[in-house]
Amino acid sequence: MNALLDTFRWLGQERRLLVVALGVLIVITALAVVGASHETRNMYREIQVLQKEQDDLESEYEKLVLEQSAWANNTRVDQIAR
């Protein structure tokens, strides 16, 4: 800690302000990086949920198309019509 104080004493007033300003900017930048990383994780999780929902819906659609083709079979329609 004394080394840091000695360095501050050695620096001129303008340099001290510059060092403090740069330190504040570094902290702000670090917080922005943490926030961006958190947001990225949340978006990735949401993408995974939506992709699973899409897969489920595509599977259900394929089943419904198969069922529709079974119900629309010409033989079945003839049997019902008679």
N, C-alpha and C. Protein backbone atom coordinates (compact mmCIF):
# COMPACT_ATOMS: atom_id res chain seq x y z
N MET A 1 0.83 -1.19 0.00
CA MET A 1 0.00 0.00 0.00
C MET A 1 0.87 1.25 0.00
N ASN A 2 1.98 1.19 0.75
CA ASN A 2 2.89 2.34 0.79
C ASN A 2 3.48 2.63 -0.58
N ALA A 3 3.75 1.58 -1.35
CA ALA A 3 4.31 1.77 -2.68
C ALA A 3 3.33 2.54 -3.56
N LEU A 4 2.06 2.23 -3.42
CA LEU A 4 1.03 2.93 -4.19
C LEU A 4 0.97 4.40 -3.78
N LEU A 5 1.02 4.64 -2.48
CA LEU A 5 1.00 6.03 -2.00
C LEU A 5 2.24 6.78 -2.46
N ASP A 6 3.39 6.12 -2.41
CA ASP A 6 4.62 6.76 -2.88
C ASP A 6 4.52 7.10 -4.36
N THR A 7 3.94 6.22 -5.13
CA THR A 7 3.77 6.48 -6.56
C THR A 7 2.84 7.67 -6.77
N PHE A 8 1.76 7.75 -5.99
CA PHE A 8 0.85 8.88 -6.11
C PHE A 8 1.53 10.18 -5.72
N ARG A 9 2.36 10.15 -4.67
CA ARG A 9 3.07 11.36 -4.26
C ARG A 9 4.04 11.80 -5.34
N TRP A 10 4.64 10.83 -6.01
CA TRP A 10 5.63 11.13 -7.03
C TRP A 10 4.99 11.78 -8.25
N LEU A 11 3.78 11.32 -8.57
CA LEU A 11 3.09 11.87 -9.74
C LEU A 11 2.63 13.30 -9.46
N GLY A 12 2.54 14.09 -10.50
CA GLY A 12 2.02 15.44 -10.35
C GLY A 12 0.50 15.40 -10.23
N GLN A 13 -0.08 16.54 -9.92
CA GLN A 13 -1.53 16.63 -9.74
C GLN A 13 -2.29 16.19 -11.00
N GLU A 14 -1.84 16.63 -12.17
CA GLU A 14 -2.53 16.26 -13.41
C GLU A 14 -2.41 14.77 -13.68
N ARG A 15 -1.25 14.23 -13.38
CA ARG A 15 -1.06 12.79 -13.59
C ARG A 15 -1.94 11.99 -12.64
N ARG A 16 -2.09 12.45 -11.44
CA ARG A 16 -2.95 11.74 -10.48
C ARG A 16 -4.38 11.69 -10.99
N LEU A 17 -4.84 12.81 -11.48
CA LEU A 17 -6.21 12.85 -12.02
C LEU A 17 -6.34 11.90 -13.21
N LEU A 18 -5.32 11.86 -14.04
CA LEU A 18 -5.34 10.96 -15.19
C LEU A 18 -5.38 9.50 -14.74
N VAL A 19 -4.57 9.16 -13.75
CA VAL A 19 -4.54 7.78 -13.24
C VAL A 19 -5.88 7.41 -12.63
N VAL A 20 -6.46 8.30 -11.85
CA VAL A 20 -7.77 8.03 -11.24
C VAL A 20 -8.84 7.90 -12.32
N ALA A 21 -8.82 8.79 -13.30
CA ALA A 21 -9.81 8.73 -14.38
C ALA A 21 -9.68 7.42 -15.15
N LEU A 22 -8.45 7.02 -15.45
CA LEU A 22 -8.26 5.75 -16.16
C LEU A 22 -8.71 4.56 -15.31
N GLY A 23 -8.46 4.63 -14.01
CA GLY A 23 -8.92 3.56 -13.12
C GLY A 23 -10.44 3.45 -13.12
N VAL A 24 -11.11 4.59 -13.07
CA VAL A 24 -12.58 4.60 -13.10
C VAL A 24 -13.08 4.04 -14.43
N LEU A 25 -12.44 4.42 -15.52
CA LEU A 25 -12.85 3.91 -16.83
C LEU A 25 -12.63 2.40 -16.93
N ILE A 26 -11.56 1.91 -16.34
CA ILE A 26 -11.31 0.46 -16.34
C ILE A 26 -12.40 -0.27 -15.58
N VAL A 27 -12.81 0.26 -14.44
CA VAL A 27 -13.87 -0.37 -13.65
C VAL A 27 -15.18 -0.35 -14.41
N ILE A 28 -15.50 0.77 -15.04
CA ILE A 28 -16.74 0.86 -15.81
C ILE A 28 -16.72 -0.13 -16.97
N THR A 29 -15.59 -0.23 -17.65
CA THR A 29 -15.47 -1.17 -18.76
C THR A 29 -15.61 -2.61 -18.28
N ALA A 30 -15.01 -2.92 -17.14
CA ALA A 30 -15.11 -4.28 -16.60
C ALA A 30 -16.56 -4.61 -16.27
N LEU A 31 -17.28 -3.67 -15.69
CA LEU A 31 -18.70 -3.91 -15.38
C LEU A 31 -19.52 -4.09 -16.66
N ALA A 32 -19.18 -3.34 -17.70
CA ALA A 32 -19.88 -3.50 -18.98
C ALA A 32 -19.62 -4.88 -19.58
N VAL A 33 -18.40 -5.37 -19.45
CA VAL A 33 -18.07 -6.71 -19.96
C VAL A 33 -18.85 -7.77 -19.20
N VAL A 34 -18.93 -7.62 -17.88
CA VAL A 34 -19.69 -8.59 -17.07
C VAL A 34 -21.16 -8.57 -17.47
N GLY A 35 -21.72 -7.38 -17.65
CA GLY A 35 -23.12 -7.27 -18.06
C GLY A 35 -23.37 -7.88 -19.43
N ALA A 36 -22.47 -7.64 -20.36
CA ALA A 36 -22.62 -8.20 -21.70
C ALA A 36 -22.51 -9.72 -21.68
N SER A 37 -21.61 -10.25 -20.87
CA SER A 37 -21.47 -11.71 -20.75
C SER A 37 -22.74 -12.33 -20.18
N HIS A 38 -23.30 -11.68 -19.17
CA HIS A 38 -24.53 -12.18 -18.56
C HIS A 38 -25.68 -12.17 -19.57
N GLU A 39 -25.79 -11.09 -20.31
CA GLU A 39 -26.85 -10.98 -21.32
C GLU A 39 -26.67 -12.04 -22.41
N THR A 40 -25.42 -12.30 -22.80
CA THR A 40 -25.15 -13.32 -23.81
C THR A 40 -25.58 -14.69 -23.33
N ARG A 41 -25.27 -15.01 -22.07
CA ARG A 41 -25.69 -16.30 -21.51
C ARG A 41 -27.21 -16.42 -21.50
N ASN A 42 -27.89 -15.36 -21.11
CA ASN A 42 -29.36 -15.39 -21.09
C ASN A 42 -29.94 -15.60 -22.49
N MET A 43 -29.38 -14.91 -23.48
CA MET A 43 -29.86 -15.06 -24.85
C MET A 43 -29.59 -16.46 -25.38
N TYR A 44 -28.44 -17.02 -25.06
CA TYR A 44 -28.11 -18.37 -25.51
C TYR A 44 -29.09 -19.38 -24.91
N ARG A 45 -29.41 -19.20 -23.63
CA ARG A 45 -30.37 -20.09 -22.97
C ARG A 45 -31.73 -19.97 -23.65
N GLU A 46 -32.14 -18.76 -23.98
CA GLU A 46 -33.43 -18.55 -24.65
C GLU A 46 -33.44 -19.19 -26.04
N ILE A 47 -32.33 -19.10 -26.75
CA ILE A 47 -32.23 -19.74 -28.07
C ILE A 47 -32.41 -21.24 -27.94
N GLN A 48 -31.79 -21.84 -26.93
CA GLN A 48 -31.92 -23.29 -26.74
C GLN A 48 -33.37 -23.68 -26.46
N VAL A 49 -34.06 -22.90 -25.64
CA VAL A 49 -35.47 -23.19 -25.34
C VAL A 49 -36.31 -23.08 -26.60
N LEU A 50 -36.08 -22.03 -27.40
CA LEU A 50 -36.85 -21.84 -28.62
C LEU A 50 -36.55 -22.93 -29.66
N GLN A 51 -35.30 -23.38 -29.73
CA GLN A 51 -34.97 -24.45 -30.67
C GLN A 51 -35.64 -25.76 -30.27
N LYS A 52 -35.73 -26.03 -28.97
CA LYS A 52 -36.42 -27.24 -28.52
C LYS A 52 -37.90 -27.14 -28.86
N GLU A 53 -38.49 -25.97 -28.64
CA GLU A 53 -39.90 -25.78 -28.98
C GLU A 53 -40.12 -25.96 -30.49
N GLN A 54 -39.20 -25.45 -31.29
CA GLN A 54 -39.31 -25.62 -32.74
C GLN A 54 -39.23 -27.09 -33.12
N ASP A 55 -38.32 -27.83 -32.52
CA ASP A 55 -38.21 -29.27 -32.80
C ASP A 55 -39.49 -30.00 -32.43
N ASP A 56 -40.06 -29.65 -31.26
CA ASP A 56 -41.30 -30.29 -30.82
C ASP A 56 -42.44 -29.99 -31.80
N LEU A 57 -42.53 -28.73 -32.24
CA LEU A 57 -43.60 -28.36 -33.17
C LEU A 57 -43.42 -29.03 -34.52
N GLU A 58 -42.19 -29.15 -34.99
CA GLU A 58 -41.96 -29.84 -36.26
C GLU A 58 -42.34 -31.31 -36.16
N SER A 59 -42.04 -31.93 -35.03
CA SER A 59 -42.40 -33.33 -34.83
C SER A 59 -43.92 -33.50 -34.82
N GLU A 60 -44.60 -32.60 -34.12
CA GLU A 60 -46.07 -32.66 -34.08
C GLU A 60 -46.66 -32.43 -35.48
N TYR A 61 -46.08 -31.51 -36.23
CA TYR A 61 -46.55 -31.24 -37.59
C TYR A 61 -46.42 -32.48 -38.46
N GLU A 62 -45.29 -33.17 -38.37
CA GLU A 62 -45.09 -34.39 -39.16
C GLU A 62 -46.13 -35.45 -38.80
N LYS A 63 -46.44 -35.58 -37.53
CA LYS A 63 -47.47 -36.54 -37.10
C LYS A 63 -48.83 -36.16 -37.67
N LEU A 64 -49.14 -34.86 -37.64
CA LEU A 64 -50.44 -34.41 -38.16
C LEU A 64 -50.54 -34.61 -39.67
N VAL A 65 -49.46 -34.39 -40.39
CA VAL A 65 -49.47 -34.61 -41.84
C VAL A 65 -49.70 -36.08 -42.12
N LEU A 66 -49.06 -36.95 -41.37
CA LEU A 66 -49.25 -38.39 -41.54
C LEU A 66 -50.69 -38.78 -41.23
N GLU A 67 -51.24 -38.23 -40.15
CA GLU A 67 -52.63 -38.52 -39.80
C GLU A 67 -53.58 -38.01 -40.88
N GLN A 68 -53.31 -36.83 -41.40
CA GLN A 68 -54.15 -36.27 -42.46
C GLN A 68 -54.12 -37.16 -43.70
N SER A 69 -52.96 -37.66 -44.04
CA SER A 69 -52.88 -38.53 -45.23
C SER A 69 -53.64 -39.83 -44.98
N ALA A 70 -53.65 -40.31 -43.75
CA ALA A 70 -54.40 -41.52 -43.44
C ALA A 70 -55.91 -41.27 -43.54
N TRP A 71 -56.36 -40.13 -43.04
CA TRP A 71 -57.78 -39.81 -43.08
C TRP A 71 -58.24 -39.48 -44.50
N ALA A 72 -57.35 -38.98 -45.32
CA ALA A 72 -57.73 -38.59 -46.68
C ALA A 72 -57.51 -39.71 -47.69
N ASN A 73 -57.19 -40.89 -47.22
CA ASN A 73 -56.96 -42.04 -48.10
C ASN A 73 -58.23 -42.29 -48.93
N ASN A 74 -58.07 -42.49 -50.24
CA ASN A 74 -59.23 -42.67 -51.13
C ASN A 74 -60.09 -43.85 -50.73
N THR A 75 -59.49 -44.93 -50.30
CA THR A 75 -60.26 -46.12 -49.89
C THR A 75 -61.15 -45.78 -48.71
N ARG A 76 -60.62 -45.09 -47.76
CA ARG A 76 -61.39 -44.72 -46.58
C ARG A 76 -62.54 -43.78 -46.96
N VAL A 77 -62.27 -42.82 -47.83
CA VAL A 77 -63.31 -41.88 -48.26
C VAL A 77 -64.42 -42.64 -48.98
N ASP A 78 -64.06 -43.61 -49.83
CA ASP A 78 -65.07 -44.42 -50.52
C ASP A 78 -65.93 -45.20 -49.53
N GLN A 79 -65.30 -45.79 -48.54
CA GLN A 79 -66.04 -46.58 -47.55
C GLN A 79 -67.02 -45.70 -46.79
N ILE A 80 -66.61 -44.53 -46.43
CA ILE A 80 -67.49 -43.64 -45.68
C ILE A 80 -68.62 -43.13 -46.57
N ALA A 81 -68.33 -42.88 -47.83
CA ALA A 81 -69.33 -42.34 -48.76
C ALA A 81 -70.41 -43.37 -49.06
N ARG A 82 -70.13 -44.64 -48.99
CA ARG A 82 -71.12 -45.67 -49.35
C ARG A 82 -71.98 -46.00 -48.21
